[in-house]
C-alpha atoms as a PDB file:
ATOM      1  CA  UNK A   1     -39.280 -42.156  48.948  1.00  0.00           C
ATOM      2  CA  UNK A   2     -35.811 -42.492  50.402  1.00  0.00           C
ATOM      3  CA  UNK A   3     -33.711 -39.365  50.852  1.00  0.00           C
ATOM      4  CA  UNK A   4     -30.628 -39.011  48.668  1.00  0.00           C
ATOM      5  CA  UNK A   5     -27.464 -40.309  50.277  1.00  0.00           C
ATOM      6  CA  UNK A   6     -25.145 -37.980  48.432  1.00  0.00           C
ATOM      7  CA  UNK A   7     -25.352 -35.370  45.670  1.00  0.00           C
ATOM      8  CA  UNK A   8     -23.492 -37.758  43.375  1.00  0.00           C
ATOM      9  CA  UNK A   9     -26.247 -40.384  43.275  1.00  0.00           C
ATOM     10  CA  UNK A  10     -29.308 -40.199  41.076  1.00  0.00           C
ATOM     11  CA  UNK A  11     -32.602 -41.401  42.363  1.00  0.00           C
ATOM     12  CA  UNK A  12     -33.955 -44.285  40.383  1.00  0.00           C
ATOM     13  CA  UNK A  13     -37.476 -44.168  41.780  1.00  0.00           C
ATOM     14  CA  UNK A  14     -38.667 -41.042  39.931  1.00  0.00           C
ATOM     15  CA  UNK A  15     -41.099 -41.029  37.023  1.00  0.00           C
ATOM     16  CA  UNK A  16     -39.624 -41.962  33.613  1.00  0.00           C
ATOM     17  CA  UNK A  17     -40.237 -38.487  32.134  1.00  0.00           C
ATOM     18  CA  UNK A  18     -37.968 -36.885  34.705  1.00  0.00           C
ATOM     19  CA  UNK A  19     -34.937 -38.916  33.729  1.00  0.00           C
ATOM     20  CA  UNK A  20     -34.371 -37.220  30.341  1.00  0.00           C
ATOM     21  CA  UNK A  21     -34.702 -33.803  32.009  1.00  0.00           C
ATOM     22  CA  UNK A  22     -32.129 -34.807  34.641  1.00  0.00           C
ATOM     23  CA  UNK A  23     -29.759 -36.046  31.964  1.00  0.00           C
ATOM     24  CA  UNK A  24     -30.222 -32.823  30.010  1.00  0.00           C
ATOM     25  CA  UNK A  25     -29.447 -30.714  33.079  1.00  0.00           C
ATOM     26  CA  UNK A  26     -26.408 -32.875  33.854  1.00  0.00           C
ATOM     27  CA  UNK A  27     -25.148 -32.561  30.268  1.00  0.00           C
ATOM     28  CA  UNK A  28     -25.579 -28.799  30.337  1.00  0.00           C
ATOM     29  CA  UNK A  29     -23.721 -28.516  33.629  1.00  0.00           C
ATOM     30  CA  UNK A  30     -20.870 -30.667  32.337  1.00  0.00           C
ATOM     31  CA  UNK A  31     -20.694 -28.599  29.161  1.00  0.00           C
ATOM     32  CA  UNK A  32     -20.642 -25.371  31.138  1.00  0.00           C
ATOM     33  CA  UNK A  33     -17.846 -26.668  33.339  1.00  0.00           C
ATOM     34  CA  UNK A  34     -15.613 -27.501  30.363  1.00  0.00           C
ATOM     35  CA  UNK A  35     -16.460 -24.472  28.230  1.00  0.00           C
ATOM     36  CA  UNK A  36     -13.842 -21.779  27.767  1.00  0.00           C
ATOM     37  CA  UNK A  37     -14.652 -18.479  29.446  1.00  0.00           C
ATOM     38  CA  UNK A  38     -16.101 -15.976  27.029  1.00  0.00           C
ATOM     39  CA  UNK A  39     -13.990 -13.004  26.070  1.00  0.00           C
ATOM     40  CA  UNK A  40     -15.541  -9.763  27.207  1.00  0.00           C
ATOM     41  CA  UNK A  41     -17.386  -8.026  24.411  1.00  0.00           C
ATOM     42  CA  UNK A  42     -16.267  -4.583  23.387  1.00  0.00           C
ATOM     43  CA  UNK A  43     -18.451  -2.011  25.062  1.00  0.00           C
ATOM     44  CA  UNK A  44     -21.017  -0.475  22.771  1.00  0.00           C
ATOM     45  CA  UNK A  45     -21.898   3.121  23.193  1.00  0.00           C
ATOM     46  CA  UNK A  46     -24.553   5.066  21.330  1.00  0.00           C
ATOM     47  CA  UNK A  47     -21.802   6.855  19.388  1.00  0.00           C
ATOM     48  CA  UNK A  48     -20.395   3.576  18.019  1.00  0.00           C
ATOM     49  CA  UNK A  49     -23.759   1.968  17.303  1.00  0.00           C
ATOM     50  CA  UNK A  50     -23.951   3.756  13.941  1.00  0.00           C
ATOM     51  CA  UNK A  51     -20.645   4.258  12.138  1.00  0.00           C
ATOM     52  CA  UNK A  52     -19.621   7.772  11.147  1.00  0.00           C
ATOM     53  CA  UNK A  53     -20.706   8.575   7.580  1.00  0.00           C
ATOM     54  CA  UNK A  54     -17.039   9.113   6.652  1.00  0.00           C
ATOM     55  CA  UNK A  55     -16.065   5.492   7.406  1.00  0.00           C
ATOM     56  CA  UNK A  56     -15.472   3.654   4.148  1.00  0.00           C
ATOM     57  CA  UNK A  57     -13.765   4.148   0.798  1.00  0.00           C
ATOM     58  CA  UNK A  58     -14.261   7.250  -1.352  1.00  0.00           C
ATOM     59  CA  UNK A  59     -13.000   8.150  -4.821  1.00  0.00           C
ATOM     60  CA  UNK A  60     -13.002  10.993  -7.324  1.00  0.00           C
ATOM     61  CA  UNK A  61     -11.283  11.849 -10.594  1.00  0.00           C
ATOM     62  CA  UNK A  62      -9.781  15.284 -11.131  1.00  0.00           C
ATOM     63  CA  UNK A  63     -11.656  17.230 -13.826  1.00  0.00           C
ATOM     64  CA  UNK A  64      -9.916  17.045 -17.200  1.00  0.00           C
ATOM     65  CA  UNK A  65      -7.420  14.422 -16.008  1.00  0.00           C
ATOM     66  CA  UNK A  66      -7.225  10.658 -16.037  1.00  0.00           C
ATOM     67  CA  UNK A  67      -5.967  10.686 -12.449  1.00  0.00           C
ATOM     68  CA  UNK A  68      -8.100   9.398  -9.572  1.00  0.00           C
ATOM     69  CA  UNK A  69      -7.821   9.727  -5.824  1.00  0.00           C
ATOM     70  CA  UNK A  70      -9.115   7.109  -3.394  1.00  0.00           C
ATOM     71  CA  UNK A  71      -9.371   7.679   0.346  1.00  0.00           C
ATOM     72  CA  UNK A  72     -10.191   4.932   2.812  1.00  0.00           C
ATOM     73  CA  UNK A  73     -11.241   6.010   6.300  1.00  0.00           C
ATOM     74  CA  UNK A  74     -11.212   3.359   9.003  1.00  0.00           C
ATOM     75  CA  UNK A  75     -13.187   3.468  12.245  1.00  0.00           C
ATOM     76  CA  UNK A  76      -9.946   3.466  14.283  1.00  0.00           C
ATOM     77  CA  UNK A  77      -8.947   6.964  13.079  1.00  0.00           C
ATOM     78  CA  UNK A  78      -6.539   5.779  10.380  1.00  0.00           C
ATOM     79  CA  UNK A  79      -6.662   6.739   6.720  1.00  0.00           C
ATOM     80  CA  UNK A  80      -5.120   5.307   3.561  1.00  0.00           C
ATOM     81  CA  UNK A  81      -4.930   7.446   0.443  1.00  0.00           C
ATOM     82  CA  UNK A  82      -3.877   6.878  -3.142  1.00  0.00           C
ATOM     83  CA  UNK A  83      -3.582   9.702  -5.639  1.00  0.00           C
ATOM     84  CA  UNK A  84      -1.786   9.144  -8.916  1.00  0.00           C
ATOM     85  CA  UNK A  85       1.499   7.463  -7.943  1.00  0.00           C
ATOM     86  CA  UNK A  86       1.307   8.607  -4.332  1.00  0.00           C
ATOM     87  CA  UNK A  87       0.298   6.297  -1.479  1.00  0.00           C
ATOM     88  CA  UNK A  88      -0.098   7.794   1.986  1.00  0.00           C
ATOM     89  CA  UNK A  89      -1.171   6.608   5.391  1.00  0.00           C
ATOM     90  CA  UNK A  90      -2.316   8.925   8.100  1.00  0.00           C
ATOM     91  CA  UNK A  91      -4.432   9.731  11.087  1.00  0.00           C
ATOM     92  CA  UNK A  92      -7.641  11.699  11.072  1.00  0.00           C
ATOM     93  CA  UNK A  93     -10.109  13.212  13.487  1.00  0.00           C
ATOM     94  CA  UNK A  94     -13.684  14.176  12.725  1.00  0.00           C
ATOM     95  CA  UNK A  95     -16.510  15.146  15.094  1.00  0.00           C
ATOM     96  CA  UNK A  96     -19.520  12.859  15.439  1.00  0.00           C
ATOM     97  CA  UNK A  97     -21.951  15.616  14.438  1.00  0.00           C
ATOM     98  CA  UNK A  98     -21.721  18.354  11.793  1.00  0.00           C
ATOM     99  CA  UNK A  99     -21.989  22.069  12.463  1.00  0.00           C
ATOM    100  CA  UNK A 100     -25.355  23.754  12.037  1.00  0.00           C
ATOM    101  CA  UNK A 101     -24.262  24.545   8.457  1.00  0.00           C
ATOM    102  CA  UNK A 102     -23.730  20.814   7.790  1.00  0.00           C
ATOM    103  CA  UNK A 103     -19.905  20.770   7.754  1.00  0.00           C
ATOM    104  CA  UNK A 104     -17.627  18.355   9.566  1.00  0.00           C
ATOM    105  CA  UNK A 105     -14.161  19.703  10.480  1.00  0.00           C
ATOM    106  CA  UNK A 106     -11.774  16.980   9.261  1.00  0.00           C
ATOM    107  CA  UNK A 107      -8.179  17.089  10.549  1.00  0.00           C
ATOM    108  CA  UNK A 108      -5.669  14.815   8.806  1.00  0.00           C
ATOM    109  CA  UNK A 109      -1.959  14.147   9.351  1.00  0.00           C
ATOM    110  CA  UNK A 110       0.188  12.103   6.951  1.00  0.00           C
ATOM    111  CA  UNK A 111       2.234   9.563   8.925  1.00  0.00           C
ATOM    112  CA  UNK A 112       3.718   7.581   6.018  1.00  0.00           C
ATOM    113  CA  UNK A 113       4.214   8.375   2.343  1.00  0.00           C
ATOM    114  CA  UNK A 114       5.892   6.619  -0.559  1.00  0.00           C
ATOM    115  CA  UNK A 115       7.343   9.992  -1.629  1.00  0.00           C
ATOM    116  CA  UNK A 116       5.753  10.043  -5.087  1.00  0.00           C
ATOM    117  CA  UNK A 117       3.600  12.783  -6.595  1.00  0.00           C
ATOM    118  CA  UNK A 118      -0.178  12.929  -6.264  1.00  0.00           C
ATOM    119  CA  UNK A 119      -2.674  13.792  -9.014  1.00  0.00           C
ATOM    120  CA  UNK A 120      -2.007  17.524  -8.524  1.00  0.00           C
ATOM    121  CA  UNK A 121       1.768  17.049  -8.701  1.00  0.00           C
ATOM    122  CA  UNK A 122       2.220  17.663  -4.967  1.00  0.00           C
ATOM    123  CA  UNK A 123       4.407  15.677  -2.556  1.00  0.00           C
ATOM    124  CA  UNK A 124       3.329  14.896   1.005  1.00  0.00           C
ATOM    125  CA  UNK A 125       6.175  14.011   3.344  1.00  0.00           C
ATOM    126  CA  UNK A 126       5.837  11.854   6.448  1.00  0.00           C
ATOM    127  CA  UNK A 127       4.878  13.835   9.517  1.00  0.00           C
ATOM    128  CA  UNK A 128       3.619  16.825   7.574  1.00  0.00           C
ATOM    129  CA  UNK A 129       1.646  19.218   9.698  1.00  0.00           C
ATOM    130  CA  UNK A 130      -2.022  18.536  10.193  1.00  0.00           C
ATOM    131  CA  UNK A 131      -4.384  19.764   7.509  1.00  0.00           C
ATOM    132  CA  UNK A 132      -7.846  21.055   8.419  1.00  0.00           C
ATOM    133  CA  UNK A 133     -10.568  20.597   5.815  1.00  0.00           C
ATOM    134  CA  UNK A 134     -14.327  20.916   5.977  1.00  0.00           C
ATOM    135  CA  UNK A 135     -16.470  18.215   4.425  1.00  0.00           C
ATOM    136  CA  UNK A 136     -20.173  18.154   3.688  1.00  0.00           C
ATOM    137  CA  UNK A 137     -22.163  15.055   2.759  1.00  0.00           C
ATOM    138  CA  UNK A 138     -24.976  14.708   0.250  1.00  0.00           C
ATOM    139  CA  UNK A 139     -28.410  13.937   1.745  1.00  0.00           C
ATOM    140  CA  UNK A 140     -27.940  10.224   0.913  1.00  0.00           C
ATOM    141  CA  UNK A 141     -24.420  10.322   2.421  1.00  0.00           C
ATOM    142  CA  UNK A 142     -23.055   8.585  -0.665  1.00  0.00           C
ATOM    143  CA  UNK A 143     -20.971  11.623  -1.709  1.00  0.00           C
ATOM    144  CA  UNK A 144     -19.136  14.470  -0.024  1.00  0.00           C
ATOM    145  CA  UNK A 145     -17.305  17.634  -0.974  1.00  0.00           C
ATOM    146  CA  UNK A 146     -14.079  18.949   0.574  1.00  0.00           C
ATOM    147  CA  UNK A 147     -13.784  22.672   1.310  1.00  0.00           C
ATOM    148  CA  UNK A 148     -11.039  25.013   2.565  1.00  0.00           C
ATOM    149  CA  UNK A 149     -13.406  26.654   5.030  1.00  0.00           C
ATOM    150  CA  UNK A 150     -16.888  25.891   6.330  1.00  0.00           C
ATOM    151  CA  UNK A 151     -18.448  27.432   3.233  1.00  0.00           C
ATOM    152  CA  UNK A 152     -19.129  26.384  -0.359  1.00  0.00           C
ATOM    153  CA  UNK A 153     -16.737  28.971  -1.851  1.00  0.00           C
ATOM    154  CA  UNK A 154     -13.554  26.883  -2.281  1.00  0.00           C
ATOM    155  CA  UNK A 155     -14.406  23.193  -2.582  1.00  0.00           C
ATOM    156  CA  UNK A 156     -13.590  20.160  -4.688  1.00  0.00           C
ATOM    157  CA  UNK A 157     -15.307  16.858  -5.291  1.00  0.00           C
ATOM    158  CA  UNK A 158     -17.659  15.246  -4.913  1.00  0.00           C
ATOM    159  CA  UNK A 159     -15.967  12.108  -3.675  1.00  0.00           C
ATOM    160  CA  UNK A 160     -18.229   9.133  -4.220  1.00  0.00           C
ATOM    161  CA  UNK A 161     -18.575   6.135  -1.945  1.00  0.00           C
ATOM    162  CA  UNK A 162     -16.922   3.015  -3.387  1.00  0.00           C
ATOM    163  CA  UNK A 163     -18.883  -0.156  -2.604  1.00  0.00           C
END
């Protein structure tokens, strides 16, 4: 066999079965050269592998009233709430794990409000101080209650997950 004269020339004296493999390799190399570089993937950590049980949309209706509240918690720490005529947006923080008693300390701050009254008749102005609540999920994590402290003495709910 003759040596190759340059890397640009293909040898013609190889077995016929090698030619398709050479063409395939050449096609792949050409495709790789013209392909756009991939965007780096967002890093995945064990904490983000499973979303927090709070992420999603939750709703409940006040007892004895026809007024419902809906809270939507996003993974980026933002929250949207509707209650009666009120619509609020806000930020929230919640730990990844509950306390030994099963409560998550949920801190929320309203950042934007339409200035209308909620189901309880309350108004929440923009930039209100942060509110600390304690939430506890049902075993199936499809419901949770909201409490004033990390106890079951002063709670409301349950809020149910909206599919």
